[in-house]
Protein backbone atom coordinates (compact mmCIF):
# COMPACT_ATOMS: atom_id res chain seq x y z
CA MET A 1 -9.22 30.27 -76.42
CA VAL A 2 -10.39 28.33 -73.56
CA ASP A 3 -8.42 24.81 -71.87
CA ILE A 4 -10.84 22.98 -69.81
CA HIS A 5 -8.29 20.42 -68.96
CA CYS A 6 -5.00 21.16 -67.87
CA HIS A 7 -2.49 20.08 -64.58
CA ILE A 8 -0.86 23.46 -64.26
CA LEU A 9 -1.43 24.05 -60.15
CA PRO A 10 2.22 23.21 -58.84
CA ASN A 11 2.75 20.04 -56.87
CA ILE A 12 -0.82 19.10 -56.62
CA ASP A 13 -0.90 15.99 -58.63
CA ASP A 14 1.25 14.53 -61.41
CA GLY A 15 1.72 17.78 -63.31
CA SER A 16 3.48 20.70 -62.52
CA ASN A 17 6.52 19.98 -60.22
CA SER A 18 7.03 23.60 -59.35
CA MET A 19 5.78 27.43 -59.39
CA GLU A 20 8.16 28.52 -62.16
CA THR A 21 6.88 25.15 -64.22
CA SER A 22 3.74 26.59 -63.80
CA ILE A 23 4.29 30.29 -64.91
CA GLU A 24 6.36 28.25 -67.94
CA MET A 25 3.06 26.22 -68.89
CA ALA A 26 0.91 29.46 -68.44
CA ARG A 27 3.87 31.55 -71.05
CA ILE A 28 3.15 28.24 -73.59
CA ALA A 29 -0.34 28.58 -73.28
CA LEU A 30 -0.60 32.48 -73.75
CA GLU A 31 1.73 32.26 -77.21
CA ASP A 32 -0.50 29.49 -78.40
CA GLY A 33 -3.65 32.00 -77.87
CA ILE A 34 -5.37 30.37 -75.14
CA LYS A 35 -6.63 33.24 -72.39
CA PHE A 36 -8.41 30.57 -69.62
CA ILE A 37 -6.99 27.55 -68.44
CA ILE A 38 -9.18 25.64 -66.13
CA ALA A 39 -6.41 24.05 -63.37
CA THR A 40 -7.89 19.85 -63.46
CA PRO A 41 -5.85 18.49 -60.83
CA HIS A 42 -6.55 14.56 -60.46
CA TYR A 43 -9.20 13.72 -57.70
CA ILE A 44 -9.36 9.87 -56.65
CA GLU A 45 -11.24 9.07 -53.98
CA TYR A 46 -9.77 7.47 -50.68
CA GLU A 47 -6.33 7.74 -53.04
CA HIS A 48 -5.63 11.57 -53.87
CA GLU A 49 -8.18 13.57 -52.47
CA ILE A 50 -7.80 17.42 -52.91
CA PRO A 51 -10.03 19.42 -50.49
CA ARG A 52 -11.93 22.22 -52.79
CA GLU A 53 -10.74 24.89 -50.96
CA ALA A 54 -7.39 23.63 -51.53
CA ILE A 55 -7.84 23.52 -55.38
CA LEU A 56 -9.19 27.59 -54.92
CA LYS A 57 -6.23 28.88 -53.28
CA ASN A 58 -3.68 27.10 -55.42
CA CYS A 59 -5.60 28.73 -58.47
CA GLN A 60 -5.68 32.40 -56.52
CA GLU A 61 -1.70 32.06 -56.06
CA LEU A 62 -0.89 31.35 -58.98
CA ASN A 63 -3.28 33.93 -60.73
CA GLN A 64 -1.25 36.45 -58.48
CA PHE A 65 2.46 35.11 -59.75
CA LEU A 66 1.21 35.32 -63.27
CA ILE A 67 -0.29 38.88 -62.51
CA GLN A 68 3.26 39.77 -61.11
CA LYS A 69 4.83 38.48 -64.43
CA GLY A 70 2.98 40.43 -66.68
CA ILE A 71 1.34 36.94 -68.33
CA GLU A 72 -2.56 38.00 -69.19
CA LEU A 73 -3.67 34.57 -68.79
CA LYS A 74 -6.39 33.65 -65.80
CA ILE A 75 -6.42 30.31 -64.20
CA LEU A 76 -9.72 28.83 -63.18
CA PRO A 77 -10.52 26.29 -60.79
CA GLY A 78 -11.96 22.71 -61.35
CA ALA A 79 -10.72 18.77 -61.19
CA GLU A 80 -10.28 16.18 -63.18
CA VAL A 81 -12.44 12.90 -61.10
CA PHE A 82 -11.62 9.71 -61.37
CA ILE A 83 -14.88 7.73 -61.74
CA SER A 84 -16.19 5.49 -58.32
CA PRO A 85 -19.84 4.48 -57.23
CA THR A 86 -19.57 7.03 -54.66
CA ILE A 87 -18.55 9.85 -56.72
CA VAL A 88 -22.12 11.66 -57.00
CA GLU A 89 -22.38 11.67 -53.25
CA SER A 90 -18.93 13.01 -52.53
CA TYR A 91 -20.34 15.96 -54.57
CA LYS A 92 -23.17 16.52 -52.81
CA LYS A 93 -20.79 16.91 -49.75
CA GLY A 94 -18.91 19.52 -51.23
CA LYS A 95 -16.15 17.38 -51.87
CA ILE A 96 -15.82 17.53 -55.62
CA ILE A 97 -15.41 21.17 -57.50
CA SER A 98 -17.04 21.02 -60.64
CA LEU A 99 -15.16 23.05 -63.51
CA ASN A 100 -14.88 26.80 -63.05
CA ASP A 101 -17.01 26.06 -59.57
CA GLY A 102 -19.77 26.56 -61.88
CA ARG A 103 -21.91 23.69 -60.72
CA LYS A 104 -22.76 22.95 -64.42
CA TYR A 105 -19.91 20.75 -65.89
CA ILE A 106 -17.81 17.98 -64.39
CA LEU A 107 -14.65 16.59 -66.22
CA ILE A 108 -14.62 13.00 -65.72
CA GLU A 109 -12.05 10.80 -66.10
CA LEU A 110 -12.76 6.45 -66.57
CA PRO A 111 -9.97 3.47 -65.94
CA VAL A 112 -8.08 2.71 -69.25
CA ALA A 113 -8.39 -0.73 -69.47
CA SER A 114 -11.87 -1.35 -68.54
CA PHE A 115 -15.14 0.21 -68.74
CA PRO A 116 -16.75 0.77 -65.38
CA GLU A 117 -20.66 -0.71 -65.93
CA TYR A 118 -22.12 2.12 -63.55
CA THR A 119 -20.80 5.02 -65.49
CA GLU A 120 -24.04 5.57 -67.17
CA ASP A 121 -26.05 5.75 -64.15
CA ILE A 122 -23.30 8.15 -62.61
CA ILE A 123 -24.38 10.52 -65.82
CA PHE A 124 -27.91 10.16 -65.36
CA GLU A 125 -27.30 11.30 -61.28
CA PHE A 126 -25.21 14.00 -62.03
CA LYS A 127 -27.82 15.17 -65.21
CA VAL A 128 -31.11 14.63 -62.77
CA MET A 129 -28.71 17.61 -60.27
CA GLY A 130 -28.28 19.55 -63.47
CA ILE A 131 -24.75 18.75 -63.93
CA THR A 132 -23.68 17.77 -66.84
CA PRO A 133 -20.48 15.54 -67.18
CA ILE A 134 -17.33 15.54 -69.90
CA ILE A 135 -15.72 12.31 -70.55
CA ALA A 136 -11.74 13.01 -70.40
CA HIS A 137 -9.85 12.07 -73.36
CA ILE A 138 -12.56 9.46 -74.65
CA GLU A 139 -9.66 8.50 -77.48
CA ARG A 140 -7.38 6.98 -74.84
CA TYR A 141 -9.51 4.29 -73.51
CA PHE A 142 -8.92 0.92 -74.81
CA TYR A 143 -12.71 0.00 -74.86
CA VAL A 144 -13.52 2.63 -77.46
CA LYS A 145 -13.62 0.36 -80.59
CA ASP A 146 -13.84 1.50 -83.83
CA ASP A 147 -17.44 1.71 -84.55
CA PHE A 148 -17.84 3.91 -81.55
CA GLU A 149 -21.00 2.36 -80.34
CA LEU A 150 -19.82 3.26 -76.34
CA VAL A 151 -19.23 7.17 -77.57
CA PHE A 152 -22.53 7.43 -78.54
CA ARG A 153 -24.32 5.71 -75.86
CA LEU A 154 -22.49 8.11 -73.58
CA ILE A 155 -23.49 10.73 -75.10
CA ASN A 156 -27.10 9.59 -75.62
CA LYS A 157 -26.94 9.19 -71.88
CA GLY A 158 -26.27 13.04 -71.70
CA ALA A 159 -22.58 13.43 -71.44
CA LEU A 160 -19.61 15.29 -73.42
CA ILE A 161 -16.64 14.54 -74.83
CA GLN A 162 -13.09 15.82 -74.41
CA VAL A 163 -10.65 14.74 -77.23
CA ASN A 164 -6.63 15.74 -75.73
CA SER A 165 -5.01 18.10 -78.42
CA THR A 166 -1.67 15.93 -77.84
CA SER A 167 -3.82 13.24 -79.17
CA VAL A 168 -4.80 14.49 -82.43
CA MET A 169 -0.44 15.79 -82.77
CA GLY A 170 0.15 11.95 -82.22
CA LEU A 171 2.37 12.39 -79.16
CA PHE A 172 0.02 9.09 -77.83
CA GLY A 173 0.71 7.12 -81.24
CA LYS A 174 -0.40 6.92 -84.52
CA GLU A 175 -3.58 4.57 -83.51
CA VAL A 176 -4.35 6.86 -80.78
CA LYS A 177 -4.13 10.45 -83.49
CA ASN A 178 -6.49 8.28 -85.86
CA LYS A 179 -9.28 7.35 -83.60
CA SER A 180 -9.11 11.46 -82.02
CA ILE A 181 -9.53 12.41 -85.34
CA ASP A 182 -11.98 9.97 -86.46
CA LEU A 183 -14.14 10.63 -83.52
CA ILE A 184 -13.93 14.05 -84.42
CA LYS A 185 -15.06 13.48 -88.04
CA HIS A 186 -17.79 11.88 -86.39
CA ARG A 187 -19.28 14.71 -84.42
CA LEU A 188 -18.59 12.75 -81.30
CA VAL A 189 -16.18 15.36 -79.73
CA HIS A 190 -17.34 18.80 -78.24
CA PHE A 191 -14.40 20.16 -76.67
CA ILE A 192 -10.16 19.93 -77.37
CA ALA A 193 -7.86 20.65 -74.42
CA SER A 194 -4.51 19.93 -73.54
CA ASP A 195 -4.40 17.67 -70.88
CA ALA A 196 -0.87 19.48 -70.37
CA HIS A 197 1.60 18.00 -67.46
CA THR A 198 4.62 20.57 -68.13
CA THR A 199 6.60 22.49 -70.47
CA ARG A 200 7.66 19.34 -72.70
CA GLY A 201 5.71 16.77 -74.60
CA ARG A 202 2.82 17.41 -72.81
CA VAL A 203 2.19 20.69 -73.10
CA PRO A 204 -0.64 23.34 -73.37
CA LYS A 205 -0.98 23.95 -76.68
CA ILE A 206 -4.42 23.87 -78.73
CA SER A 207 -3.54 25.34 -82.18
CA GLU A 208 -1.32 22.68 -83.59
CA ALA A 209 -4.04 20.43 -83.34
CA LEU A 210 -6.84 22.60 -85.20
CA GLU A 211 -3.80 22.98 -88.09
CA ILE A 212 -4.23 18.90 -88.06
CA LEU A 213 -7.54 19.19 -88.48
CA ARG A 214 -8.18 21.49 -90.85
CA LYS A 215 -5.66 19.29 -93.02
CA GLU A 216 -7.74 16.51 -92.31
CA ARG A 217 -10.84 18.51 -93.84
CA VAL A 218 -12.85 18.92 -90.59
CA ASP A 219 -15.11 21.57 -91.54
CA GLU A 220 -14.45 25.11 -90.39
CA SER A 221 -17.80 25.75 -88.50
CA TYR A 222 -17.10 22.18 -86.46
CA ILE A 223 -13.76 23.59 -85.04
CA ASP A 224 -15.60 26.73 -84.56
CA TYR A 225 -18.44 24.79 -82.47
CA ILE A 226 -15.50 23.08 -80.26
CA LEU A 227 -14.16 25.99 -79.18
CA ILE A 228 -16.97 27.97 -78.97
CA ASN A 229 -18.29 25.06 -76.17
CA SER A 230 -15.19 25.68 -73.77
CA GLN A 231 -16.07 29.38 -73.78
CA LYS A 232 -19.58 28.26 -72.55
CA VAL A 233 -17.95 25.86 -69.62
CA VAL A 234 -16.37 29.01 -68.40
CA ARG A 235 -19.77 31.18 -68.39
CA GLY A 236 -22.01 28.08 -67.81
CA GLU A 237 -24.07 28.24 -70.62
CA GLU A 238 -26.10 25.47 -72.15
CA ILE A 239 -24.44 23.21 -74.95
CA GLU A 240 -25.98 22.46 -78.13
CA ILE A 241 -25.58 18.80 -78.88
CA LEU A 242 -25.40 18.31 -82.68
CA ASP A 243 -26.49 15.08 -84.02
CA PRO A 244 -23.48 12.81 -84.24
CA ILE A 245 -22.59 11.48 -87.84
CA LYS A 246 -23.16 7.42 -87.52
CA LYS A 247 -20.02 5.21 -88.56
CA LYS A 248 -19.99 2.81 -91.39
CA VAL A 249 -18.18 0.00 -90.09
CA LYS A 250 -16.71 -2.51 -92.89
CA TRP A 251 -18.94 -5.32 -93.35
CA PHE A 252 -15.82 -7.85 -92.34
CA TYR A 253 -15.71 -6.12 -88.99
CA ARG A 254 -19.57 -6.88 -88.75
CA LEU A 255 -18.79 -10.26 -89.80
CA LYS A 256 -16.05 -10.97 -87.38
CA ARG A 257 -18.39 -9.83 -84.31
CA ARG A 258 -20.84 -12.31 -85.16
CA PHE A 259 -19.08 -15.01 -84.45
């Protein structure tokens, strides 16, 4: 498997706080069946701007340690970019790194509480450049309502959607768990990734989430589709967008929205 969202680089953001922790995270991931991890430290303009060169160097150093420890897992470069009106310009200037430095996909984080109205413009600008934005952990945003209309809109604009494995596993509570599973059942999710930060709690595991989806009777072919998409990100290949299943909103919810 491939994990496209993981805070495994040591001492660079709020993820791993040491090389030892990073190595242990890699061990956990490998035992779970993960062979490639895209390291995605937080990039926040004017607050936490990690140079592209620093990310590449940190990945190289961690890979060397993993080879020494006999851990057959590879770390690839990337970033989780917090959205702002100027991230496209920053990318053009070479400040921001794409996933696997492939100039094909970029991982974008939105604010938890309020949806930036310029988000769709950012998606459009990246798409014009041939880059597809992947929206990180969509299930954790408060403004993603039960009808998922916003998610439909973002996909129609050209974005892809990622859900955290730990959300499916219930780490962030029942409501987030149910929302993440519901999004997947409606074919609104293109990736499951760990968003791991440490060796306990938010760990680099994906397989447990997949088992939960199977118990929830998510079609096996769709689970395969999600897993293959992560591989395509690494290879820089195009991802087929399957038609989402429109969510049927209960009549009393529709009625409530009218008032």
